[in-house]
PDB file of N, CA and C in Angstrom:
ATOM      1  N   MET A   1       0.852  -1.179   0.000  1.00  0.00           N
ATOM      2  CA  MET A   1       0.000   0.000   0.000  1.00  0.00           C
ATOM      3  C   MET A   1       0.895   1.239   0.000  1.00  0.00           C
ATOM      4  N   LYS A   2       0.655   2.142  -0.905  1.00  0.00           N
ATOM      5  CA  LYS A   2       1.480   3.336  -1.022  1.00  0.00           C
ATOM      6  C   LYS A   2       1.308   4.263   0.189  1.00  0.00           C
ATOM      7  N   TYR A   3       0.122   4.426   0.654  1.00  0.00           N
ATOM      8  CA  TYR A   3      -0.146   5.238   1.833  1.00  0.00           C
ATOM      9  C   TYR A   3      -1.434   4.768   2.480  1.00  0.00           C
ATOM     10  N   GLN A   4      -1.600   5.170   3.699  1.00  0.00           N
ATOM     11  CA  GLN A   4      -2.774   4.735   4.451  1.00  0.00           C
ATOM     12  C   GLN A   4      -3.817   5.848   4.433  1.00  0.00           C
ATOM     13  N   TYR A   5      -5.061   5.482   4.194  1.00  0.00           N
ATOM     14  CA  TYR A   5      -6.150   6.449   4.157  1.00  0.00           C
ATOM     15  C   TYR A   5      -7.238   5.997   5.107  1.00  0.00           C
ATOM     16  N   ARG A   6      -7.657   6.888   5.947  1.00  0.00           N
ATOM     17  CA  ARG A   6      -8.771   6.595   6.849  1.00  0.00           C
ATOM     18  C   ARG A   6      -9.809   7.690   6.672  1.00  0.00           C
ATOM     19  N   HIS A   7     -11.027   7.305   6.404  1.00  0.00           N
ATOM     20  CA  HIS A   7     -12.110   8.274   6.270  1.00  0.00           C
ATOM     21  C   HIS A   7     -12.556   8.691   7.672  1.00  0.00           C
ATOM     22  N   LEU A   8     -12.623   9.969   7.902  1.00  0.00           N
ATOM     23  CA  LEU A   8     -13.012  10.487   9.206  1.00  0.00           C
ATOM     24  C   LEU A   8     -14.452  10.979   9.149  1.00  0.00           C
ATOM     25  N   LEU A   9     -15.284  10.405   9.947  1.00  0.00           N
ATOM     26  CA  LEU A   9     -16.665  10.880  10.029  1.00  0.00           C
ATOM     27  C   LEU A   9     -16.709  12.049  10.996  1.00  0.00           C
ATOM     28  N   ILE A  10     -17.166  13.165  10.509  1.00  0.00           N
ATOM     29  CA  ILE A  10     -17.173  14.371  11.347  1.00  0.00           C
ATOM     30  C   ILE A  10     -18.516  14.452  12.062  1.00  0.00           C
ATOM     31  N   ASP A  11     -18.528  14.017  13.313  1.00  0.00           N
ATOM     32  CA  ASP A  11     -19.769  14.060  14.076  1.00  0.00           C
ATOM     33  C   ASP A  11     -19.700  15.075  15.208  1.00  0.00           C
ATOM     34  N   SER A  12     -18.535  15.425  15.643  1.00  0.00           N
ATOM     35  CA  SER A  12     -18.387  16.505  16.610  1.00  0.00           C
ATOM     36  C   SER A  12     -16.949  16.999  16.540  1.00  0.00           C
ATOM     37  N   ARG A  13     -16.754  18.217  16.918  1.00  0.00           N
ATOM     38  CA  ARG A  13     -15.414  18.817  16.836  1.00  0.00           C
ATOM     39  C   ARG A  13     -14.408  18.048  17.684  1.00  0.00           C
ATOM     40  N   GLN A  14     -14.748  17.741  18.925  1.00  0.00           N
ATOM     41  CA  GLN A  14     -13.805  17.052  19.810  1.00  0.00           C
ATOM     42  C   GLN A  14     -13.498  15.639  19.334  1.00  0.00           C
ATOM     43  N   ARG A  15     -14.497  14.926  18.867  1.00  0.00           N
ATOM     44  CA  ARG A  15     -14.249  13.569  18.350  1.00  0.00           C
ATOM     45  C   ARG A  15     -13.338  13.610  17.134  1.00  0.00           C
ATOM     46  N   THR A  16     -13.536  14.590  16.273  1.00  0.00           N
ATOM     47  CA  THR A  16     -12.692  14.732  15.089  1.00  0.00           C
ATOM     48  C   THR A  16     -11.252  15.020  15.489  1.00  0.00           C
ATOM     49  N   ILE A  17     -11.056  15.918  16.436  1.00  0.00           N
ATOM     50  CA  ILE A  17      -9.708  16.237  16.908  1.00  0.00           C
ATOM     51  C   ILE A  17      -9.052  15.000  17.512  1.00  0.00           C
ATOM     52  N   THR A  18      -9.795  14.233  18.282  1.00  0.00           N
ATOM     53  CA  THR A  18      -9.267  13.009  18.882  1.00  0.00           C
ATOM     54  C   THR A  18      -8.879  11.998  17.811  1.00  0.00           C
ATOM     55  N   LYS A  19      -9.725  11.827  16.801  1.00  0.00           N
ATOM     56  CA  LYS A  19      -9.417  10.901  15.714  1.00  0.00           C
ATOM     57  C   LYS A  19      -8.160  11.325  14.958  1.00  0.00           C
ATOM     58  N   LEU A  20      -8.036  12.615  14.681  1.00  0.00           N
ATOM     59  CA  LEU A  20      -6.845  13.100  13.997  1.00  0.00           C
ATOM     60  C   LEU A  20      -5.594  12.907  14.854  1.00  0.00           C
ATOM     61  N   ASP A  21      -5.685  13.217  16.141  1.00  0.00           N
ATOM     62  CA  ASP A  21      -4.549  13.007  17.044  1.00  0.00           C
ATOM     63  C   ASP A  21      -4.100  11.550  17.024  1.00  0.00           C
ATOM     64  N   ASN A  22      -5.036  10.626  17.124  1.00  0.00           N
ATOM     65  CA  ASN A  22      -4.695   9.201  17.113  1.00  0.00           C
ATOM     66  C   ASN A  22      -4.080   8.780  15.788  1.00  0.00           C
ATOM     67  N   LEU A  23      -4.618   9.287  14.696  1.00  0.00           N
ATOM     68  CA  LEU A  23      -4.079   8.970  13.380  1.00  0.00           C
ATOM     69  C   LEU A  23      -2.632   9.454  13.265  1.00  0.00           C
ATOM     70  N   PHE A  24      -2.369  10.670  13.729  1.00  0.00           N
ATOM     71  CA  PHE A  24      -1.020  11.219  13.634  1.00  0.00           C
ATOM     72  C   PHE A  24      -0.056  10.514  14.578  1.00  0.00           C
ATOM     73  N   LEU A  25      -0.524  10.101  15.754  1.00  0.00           N
ATOM     74  CA  LEU A  25       0.344   9.376  16.676  1.00  0.00           C
ATOM     75  C   LEU A  25       0.715   7.994  16.138  1.00  0.00           C
ATOM     76  N   ASP A  26      -0.218   7.370  15.415  1.00  0.00           N
ATOM     77  CA  ASP A  26       0.032   6.044  14.837  1.00  0.00           C
ATOM     78  C   ASP A  26       0.972   6.103  13.636  1.00  0.00           C
ATOM     79  N   ASN A  27       1.071   7.237  12.988  1.00  0.00           N
ATOM     80  CA  ASN A  27       1.835   7.371  11.740  1.00  0.00           C
ATOM     81  C   ASN A  27       2.725   8.607  11.819  1.00  0.00           C
ATOM     82  N   SER A  28       3.897   8.479  12.421  1.00  0.00           N
ATOM     83  CA  SER A  28       4.750   9.650  12.617  1.00  0.00           C
ATOM     84  C   SER A  28       5.333  10.137  11.296  1.00  0.00           C
ATOM     85  N   PHE A  29       5.440  11.427  11.179  1.00  0.00           N
ATOM     86  CA  PHE A  29       5.981  12.073   9.983  1.00  0.00           C
ATOM     87  C   PHE A  29       7.426  11.632   9.742  1.00  0.00           C
ATOM     88  N   GLU A  30       8.206  11.573  10.807  1.00  0.00           N
ATOM     89  CA  GLU A  30       9.627  11.255  10.690  1.00  0.00           C
ATOM     90  C   GLU A  30       9.890   9.846  10.168  1.00  0.00           C
ATOM     91  N   ASN A  31       8.986   8.907  10.418  1.00  0.00           N
ATOM     92  CA  ASN A  31       9.201   7.517  10.022  1.00  0.00           C
ATOM     93  C   ASN A  31       8.457   7.115   8.754  1.00  0.00           C
ATOM     94  N   SER A  32       7.761   8.045   8.152  1.00  0.00           N
ATOM     95  CA  SER A  32       6.966   7.716   6.975  1.00  0.00           C
ATOM     96  C   SER A  32       7.692   8.143   5.696  1.00  0.00           C
ATOM     97  N   PRO A  33       7.652   7.316   4.653  1.00  0.00           N
ATOM     98  CA  PRO A  33       8.266   7.726   3.387  1.00  0.00           C
ATOM     99  C   PRO A  33       7.417   8.752   2.634  1.00  0.00           C
ATOM    100  N   VAL A  34       6.129   8.852   2.977  1.00  0.00           N
ATOM    101  CA  VAL A  34       5.230   9.795   2.319  1.00  0.00           C
ATOM    102  C   VAL A  34       4.484  10.611   3.364  1.00  0.00           C
ATOM    103  N   ALA A  35       3.934  11.725   2.927  1.00  0.00           N
ATOM    104  CA  ALA A  35       3.123  12.580   3.803  1.00  0.00           C
ATOM    105  C   ALA A  35       2.029  13.204   2.951  1.00  0.00           C
ATOM    106  N   GLY A  36       1.032  13.767   3.598  1.00  0.00           N
ATOM    107  CA  GLY A  36      -0.059  14.408   2.883  1.00  0.00           C
ATOM    108  C   GLY A  36      -0.693  15.462   3.750  1.00  0.00           C
ATOM    109  N   MET A  37      -1.757  16.031   3.266  1.00  0.00           N
ATOM    110  CA  MET A  37      -2.481  17.043   4.041  1.00  0.00           C
ATOM    111  C   MET A  37      -3.957  16.684   4.064  1.00  0.00           C
ATOM    112  N   PHE A  38      -4.601  17.062   5.151  1.00  0.00           N
ATOM    113  CA  PHE A  38      -6.038  16.848   5.260  1.00  0.00           C
ATOM    114  C   PHE A  38      -6.757  18.097   4.813  1.00  0.00           C
ATOM    115  N   PHE A  39      -7.796  17.897   4.045  1.00  0.00           N
ATOM    116  CA  PHE A  39      -8.690  18.982   3.664  1.00  0.00           C
ATOM    117  C   PHE A  39     -10.084  18.511   4.010  1.00  0.00           C
ATOM    118  N   PHE A  40     -10.638  19.059   5.060  1.00  0.00           N
ATOM    119  CA  PHE A  40     -11.890  18.596   5.645  1.00  0.00           C
ATOM    120  C   PHE A  40     -11.740  17.117   5.998  1.00  0.00           C
ATOM    121  N   ASP A  41     -12.352  16.198   5.284  1.00  0.00           N
ATOM    122  CA  ASP A  41     -12.270  14.788   5.673  1.00  0.00           C
ATOM    123  C   ASP A  41     -11.475  13.960   4.670  1.00  0.00           C
ATOM    124  N   ARG A  42     -10.683  14.592   3.814  1.00  0.00           N
ATOM    125  CA  ARG A  42      -9.945  13.861   2.791  1.00  0.00           C
ATOM    126  C   ARG A  42      -8.446  14.046   2.932  1.00  0.00           C
ATOM    127  N   LEU A  43      -7.709  12.968   2.726  1.00  0.00           N
ATOM    128  CA  LEU A  43      -6.257  13.032   2.674  1.00  0.00           C
ATOM    129  C   LEU A  43      -5.867  13.336   1.239  1.00  0.00           C
ATOM    130  N   MET A  44      -5.130  14.441   1.048  1.00  0.00           N
ATOM    131  CA  MET A  44      -4.797  14.883  -0.297  1.00  0.00           C
ATOM    132  C   MET A  44      -3.303  15.158  -0.410  1.00  0.00           C
ATOM    133  N   ALA A  45      -2.839  15.325  -1.628  1.00  0.00           N
ATOM    134  CA  ALA A  45      -1.453  15.680  -1.918  1.00  0.00           C
ATOM    135  C   ALA A  45      -0.485  14.743  -1.211  1.00  0.00           C
ATOM    136  N   VAL A  46      -0.684  13.441  -1.377  1.00  0.00           N
ATOM    137  CA  VAL A  46       0.213  12.456  -0.788  1.00  0.00           C
ATOM    138  C   VAL A  46       1.454  12.377  -1.673  1.00  0.00           C
ATOM    139  N   LEU A  47       2.569  12.815  -1.111  1.00  0.00           N
ATOM    140  CA  LEU A  47       3.823  12.945  -1.848  1.00  0.00           C
ATOM    141  C   LEU A  47       4.975  12.436  -1.004  1.00  0.00           C
ATOM    142  N   PRO A  48       6.162  12.271  -1.595  1.00  0.00           N
ATOM    143  CA  PRO A  48       7.317  11.915  -0.762  1.00  0.00           C
ATOM    144  C   PRO A  48       7.486  12.932   0.364  1.00  0.00           C
ATOM    145  N   ARG A  49       7.823  12.459   1.537  1.00  0.00           N
ATOM    146  CA  ARG A  49       7.947  13.325   2.719  1.00  0.00           C
ATOM    147  C   ARG A  49       8.870  14.514   2.462  1.00  0.00           C
ATOM    148  N   LEU A  50       9.904  14.330   1.671  1.00  0.00           N
ATOM    149  CA  LEU A  50      10.870  15.386   1.380  1.00  0.00           C
ATOM    150  C   LEU A  50      10.197  16.643   0.830  1.00  0.00           C
ATOM    151  N   VAL A  51       9.118  16.475   0.067  1.00  0.00           N
ATOM    152  CA  VAL A  51       8.405  17.623  -0.506  1.00  0.00           C
ATOM    153  C   VAL A  51       7.896  18.543   0.606  1.00  0.00           C
ATOM    154  N   TYR A  52       7.457  17.967   1.728  1.00  0.00           N
ATOM    155  CA  TYR A  52       6.920  18.763   2.832  1.00  0.00           C
ATOM    156  C   TYR A  52       7.997  19.273   3.780  1.00  0.00           C
ATOM    157  N   GLU A  53       9.233  18.881   3.569  1.00  0.00           N
ATOM    158  CA  GLU A  53      10.324  19.324   4.449  1.00  0.00           C
ATOM    159  C   GLU A  53      11.081  20.521   3.889  1.00  0.00           C
ATOM    160  N   GLN A  54      10.878  20.862   2.631  1.00  0.00           N
ATOM    161  CA  GLN A  54      11.587  21.965   2.006  1.00  0.00           C
ATOM    162  C   GLN A  54      10.600  23.063   1.629  1.00  0.00           C
ATOM    163  N   TYR A  55      10.891  24.290   2.099  1.00  0.00           N
ATOM    164  CA  TYR A  55       9.985  25.410   1.884  1.00  0.00           C
ATOM    165  C   TYR A  55      10.683  26.564   1.191  1.00  0.00           C
ATOM    166  N   LYS A  56       9.874  27.455   0.619  1.00  0.00           N
ATOM    167  CA  LYS A  56      10.384  28.703   0.072  1.00  0.00           C
ATOM    168  C   LYS A  56       9.393  29.811   0.420  1.00  0.00           C
ATOM    169  N   LEU A  57       9.881  31.037   0.407  1.00  0.00           N
ATOM    170  CA  LEU A  57       9.051  32.200   0.691  1.00  0.00           C
ATOM    171  C   LEU A  57       8.545  32.763  -0.623  1.00  0.00           C
ATOM    172  N   ILE A  58       7.226  32.990  -0.713  1.00  0.00           N
ATOM    173  CA  ILE A  58       6.643  33.561  -1.928  1.00  0.00           C
ATOM    174  C   ILE A  58       5.894  34.837  -1.575  1.00  0.00           C
ATOM    175  N   GLN A  59       5.680  35.673  -2.565  1.00  0.00           N
ATOM    176  CA  GLN A  59       4.925  36.913  -2.405  1.00  0.00           C
ATOM    177  C   GLN A  59       3.558  36.742  -3.056  1.00  0.00           C
ATOM    178  N   PHE A  60       2.521  37.191  -2.364  1.00  0.00           N
ATOM    179  CA  PHE A  60       1.172  37.149  -2.924  1.00  0.00           C
ATOM    180  C   PHE A  60       0.414  38.359  -2.422  1.00  0.00           C
ATOM    181  N   GLU A  61       0.017  39.209  -3.346  1.00  0.00           N
ATOM    182  CA  GLU A  61      -0.736  40.426  -3.044  1.00  0.00           C
ATOM    183  C   GLU A  61      -0.073  41.231  -1.934  1.00  0.00           C
ATOM    184  N   GLY A  62       1.240  41.400  -2.042  1.00  0.00           N
ATOM    185  CA  GLY A  62       1.979  42.229  -1.096  1.00  0.00           C
ATOM    186  C   GLY A  62       2.317  41.566   0.227  1.00  0.00           C
ATOM    187  N   LEU A  63       1.950  40.318   0.411  1.00  0.00           N
ATOM    188  CA  LEU A  63       2.257  39.597   1.647  1.00  0.00           C
ATOM    189  C   LEU A  63       3.213  38.449   1.354  1.00  0.00           C
ATOM    190  N   SER A  64       3.963  38.014   2.368  1.00  0.00           N
ATOM    191  CA  SER A  64       4.896  36.900   2.216  1.00  0.00           C
ATOM    192  C   SER A  64       4.335  35.659   2.894  1.00  0.00           C
ATOM    193  N   PHE A  65       4.460  34.520   2.219  1.00  0.00           N
ATOM    194  CA  PHE A  65       3.974  33.246   2.738  1.00  0.00           C
ATOM    195  C   PHE A  65       5.008  32.159   2.456  1.00  0.00           C
ATOM    196  N   TYR A  66       5.071  31.177   3.345  1.00  0.00           N
ATOM    197  CA  TYR A  66       5.891  30.006   3.085  1.00  0.00           C
ATOM    198  C   TYR A  66       5.037  28.962   2.375  1.00  0.00           C
ATOM    199  N   CYS A  67       5.641  28.288   1.415  1.00  0.00           N
ATOM    200  CA  CYS A  67       4.972  27.192   0.730  1.00  0.00           C
ATOM    201  C   CYS A  67       6.014  26.116   0.428  1.00  0.00           C
ATOM    202  N   VAL A  68       5.559  24.948   0.009  1.00  0.00           N
ATOM    203  CA  VAL A  68       6.495  23.885  -0.323  1.00  0.00           C
ATOM    204  C   VAL A  68       7.400  24.368  -1.460  1.00  0.00           C
ATOM    205  N   ALA A  69       8.657  23.942  -1.427  1.00  0.00           N
ATOM    206  CA  ALA A  69       9.624  24.387  -2.436  1.00  0.00           C
ATOM    207  C   ALA A  69       9.282  23.848  -3.821  1.00  0.00           C
ATOM    208  N   ASP A  70       8.813  22.616  -3.900  1.00  0.00           N
ATOM    209  CA  ASP A  70       8.481  22.017  -5.200  1.00  0.00           C
ATOM    210  C   ASP A  70       6.999  22.245  -5.488  1.00  0.00           C
ATOM    211  N   THR A  71       6.652  23.481  -5.810  1.00  0.00           N
ATOM    212  CA  THR A  71       5.251  23.828  -6.044  1.00  0.00           C
ATOM    213  C   THR A  71       4.675  23.076  -7.237  1.00  0.00           C
ATOM    214  N   HIS A  72       5.497  22.813  -8.248  1.00  0.00           N
ATOM    215  CA  HIS A  72       5.007  22.080  -9.428  1.00  0.00           C
ATOM    216  C   HIS A  72       4.513  20.690  -9.034  1.00  0.00           C
ATOM    217  N   GLN A  73       5.317  19.932  -8.295  1.00  0.00           N
ATOM    218  CA  GLN A  73       4.913  18.581  -7.899  1.00  0.00           C
ATOM    219  C   GLN A  73       3.677  18.627  -7.002  1.00  0.00           C
ATOM    220  N   PHE A  74       3.620  19.588  -6.097  1.00  0.00           N
ATOM    221  CA  PHE A  74       2.491  19.726  -5.182  1.00  0.00           C
ATOM    222  C   PHE A  74       1.199  20.027  -5.948  1.00  0.00           C
ATOM    223  N   LEU A  75       1.220  21.034  -6.814  1.00  0.00           N
ATOM    224  CA  LEU A  75       0.024  21.417  -7.564  1.00  0.00           C
ATOM    225  C   LEU A  75      -0.402  20.336  -8.549  1.00  0.00           C
ATOM    226  N   GLU A  76       0.565  19.675  -9.160  1.00  0.00           N
ATOM    227  CA  GLU A  76       0.233  18.601 -10.094  1.00  0.00           C
ATOM    228  C   GLU A  76      -0.448  17.434  -9.378  1.00  0.00           C
ATOM    229  N   SER A  77      -0.051  17.149  -8.150  1.00  0.00           N
ATOM    230  CA  SER A  77      -0.687  16.054  -7.408  1.00  0.00           C
ATOM    231  C   SER A  77      -2.130  16.382  -7.058  1.00  0.00           C
ATOM    232  N   LEU A  78      -2.431  17.658  -6.848  1.00  0.00           N
ATOM    233  CA  LEU A  78      -3.794  18.067  -6.512  1.00  0.00           C
ATOM    234  C   LEU A  78      -4.688  18.246  -7.736  1.00  0.00           C
ATOM    235  N   TYR A  79      -4.142  18.851  -8.796  1.00  0.00           N
ATOM    236  CA  TYR A  79      -4.985  19.294  -9.911  1.00  0.00           C
ATOM    237  C   TYR A  79      -4.650  18.668 -11.263  1.00  0.00           C
ATOM    238  N   GLY A  80      -3.624  17.829 -11.341  1.00  0.00           N
ATOM    239  CA  GLY A  80      -3.204  17.311 -12.643  1.00  0.00           C
ATOM    240  C   GLY A  80      -2.493  18.411 -13.414  1.00  0.00           C
ATOM    241  N   ASP A  81      -2.897  18.662 -14.662  1.00  0.00           N
ATOM    242  CA  ASP A  81      -2.281  19.715 -15.475  1.00  0.00           C
ATOM    243  C   ASP A  81      -2.869  21.065 -15.050  1.00  0.00           C
ATOM    244  N   TYR A  82      -2.325  21.622 -13.985  1.00  0.00           N
ATOM    245  CA  TYR A  82      -2.868  22.852 -13.398  1.00  0.00           C
ATOM    246  C   TYR A  82      -2.619  24.091 -14.259  1.00  0.00           C
ATOM    247  N   MET A  83      -1.766  23.995 -15.253  1.00  0.00           N
ATOM    248  CA  MET A  83      -1.492  25.142 -16.127  1.00  0.00           C
ATOM    249  C   MET A  83      -2.499  25.236 -17.283  1.00  0.00           C
ATOM    250  N   GLN A  84      -3.332  24.238 -17.430  1.00  0.00           N
ATOM    251  CA  GLN A  84      -4.330  24.201 -18.506  1.00  0.00           C
ATOM    252  C   GLN A  84      -5.712  24.516 -17.919  1.00  0.00           C
ATOM    253  N   LEU A  85      -6.396  25.500 -18.485  1.00  0.00           N
ATOM    254  CA  LEU A  85      -7.751  25.816 -18.018  1.00  0.00           C
ATOM    255  C   LEU A  85      -8.698  24.675 -18.371  1.00  0.00           C
ATOM    256  N   PRO A  86      -9.633  24.370 -17.470  1.00  0.00           N
ATOM    257  CA  PRO A  86     -10.633  23.349 -17.804  1.00  0.00           C
ATOM    258  C   PRO A  86     -11.604  23.904 -18.845  1.00  0.00           C
ATOM    259  N   PRO A  87     -12.376  23.027 -19.495  1.00  0.00           N
ATOM    260  CA  PRO A  87     -13.394  23.513 -20.435  1.00  0.00           C
ATOM    261  C   PRO A  87     -14.348  24.482 -19.726  1.00  0.00           C
ATOM    262  N   VAL A  88     -14.920  25.402 -20.457  1.00  0.00           N
ATOM    263  CA  VAL A  88     -15.784  26.441 -19.886  1.00  0.00           C
ATOM    264  C   VAL A  88     -16.875  25.847 -19.002  1.00  0.00           C
ATOM    265  N   GLU A  89     -17.497  24.751 -19.435  1.00  0.00           N
ATOM    266  CA  GLU A  89     -18.598  24.164 -18.655  1.00  0.00           C
ATOM    267  C   GLU A  89     -18.143  23.579 -17.318  1.00  0.00           C
ATOM    268  N   ARG A  90     -16.844  23.378 -17.121  1.00  0.00           N
ATOM    269  CA  ARG A  90     -16.338  22.828 -15.850  1.00  0.00           C
ATOM    270  C   ARG A  90     -15.686  23.895 -14.981  1.00  0.00           C
ATOM    271  N   ARG A  91     -15.752  25.153 -15.373  1.00  0.00           N
ATOM    272  CA  ARG A  91     -15.140  26.251 -14.607  1.00  0.00           C
ATOM    273  C   ARG A  91     -16.109  26.770 -13.564  1.00  0.00           C
ATOM    274  N   ILE A  92     -16.364  25.957 -12.583  1.00  0.00           N
ATOM    275  CA  ILE A  92     -17.266  26.336 -11.497  1.00  0.00           C
ATOM    276  C   ILE A  92     -16.569  26.082 -10.173  1.00  0.00           C
ATOM    277  N   GLY A  93     -16.976  26.817  -9.156  1.00  0.00           N
ATOM    278  CA  GLY A  93     -16.425  26.604  -7.829  1.00  0.00           C
ATOM    279  C   GLY A  93     -16.898  25.284  -7.250  1.00  0.00           C
ATOM    280  N   ARG A  94     -16.055  24.660  -6.457  1.00  0.00           N
ATOM    281  CA  ARG A  94     -16.415  23.375  -5.859  1.00  0.00           C
ATOM    282  C   ARG A  94     -16.688  23.489  -4.367  1.00  0.00           C
ATOM    283  N   HIS A  95     -16.616  24.681  -3.829  1.00  0.00           N
ATOM    284  CA  HIS A  95     -16.815  24.838  -2.386  1.00  0.00           C
ATOM    285  C   HIS A  95     -18.299  24.952  -2.069  1.00  0.00           C
ATOM    286  N   ASN A  96     -18.706  24.298  -1.023  1.00  0.00           N
ATOM    287  CA  ASN A  96     -20.106  24.359  -0.623  1.00  0.00           C
ATOM    288  C   ASN A  96     -20.246  25.033   0.743  1.00  0.00           C
ATOM    289  N   ILE A  97     -19.346  25.983   1.014  1.00  0.00           N
ATOM    290  CA  ILE A  97     -19.402  26.701   2.279  1.00  0.00           C
ATOM    291  C   ILE A  97     -19.657  28.175   2.016  1.00  0.00           C
ATOM    292  N   HIS A  98     -20.191  28.835   2.999  1.00  0.00           N
ATOM    293  CA  HIS A  98     -20.395  30.261   2.935  1.00  0.00           C
ATOM    294  C   HIS A  98     -19.600  30.889   4.079  1.00  0.00           C
ATOM    295  N   ALA A  99     -18.864  31.943   3.797  1.00  0.00           N
ATOM    296  CA  ALA A  99     -18.055  32.606   4.819  1.00  0.00           C
ATOM    297  C   ALA A  99     -18.525  34.052   4.942  1.00  0.00           C
ATOM    298  N   TYR A 100     -18.490  34.547   6.153  1.00  0.00           N
ATOM    299  CA  TYR A 100     -18.949  35.900   6.417  1.00  0.00           C
ATOM    300  C   TYR A 100     -17.970  36.599   7.345  1.00  0.00           C
ATOM    301  N   TRP A 101     -17.775  37.916   7.136  1.00  0.00           N
ATOM    302  CA  TRP A 101     -17.020  38.708   8.078  1.00  0.00           C
ATOM    303  C   TRP A 101     -17.917  39.031   9.254  1.00  0.00           C
ATOM    304  N   LEU A 102     -17.409  38.843  10.448  1.00  0.00           N
ATOM    305  CA  LEU A 102     -18.209  39.159  11.641  1.00  0.00           C
ATOM    306  C   LEU A 102     -17.681  40.386  12.339  1.00  0.00           C
TER     307      LEU A 102
END
């Protein structure tokens, strides 16, 4: 198996935090050949651990942020050919959340 995936059922905030803590304790970053990131309940961008150990500073809209050094490999793992626009009919947002300033 290339990597381990566990689906997390989000039934309460504390239970989710406990499940994530247990998952991370069972699979240490230092001993794993691969690593990934969680986005809501999905494990994504599973890449060689080295990709997550090397960072660079980038500028975006006048602010500085750290990101993985190999941005090409990271973006390609998430989006495939990220430099190619999808067909017009597929250019829609995929987020189903609403955010508000309070």
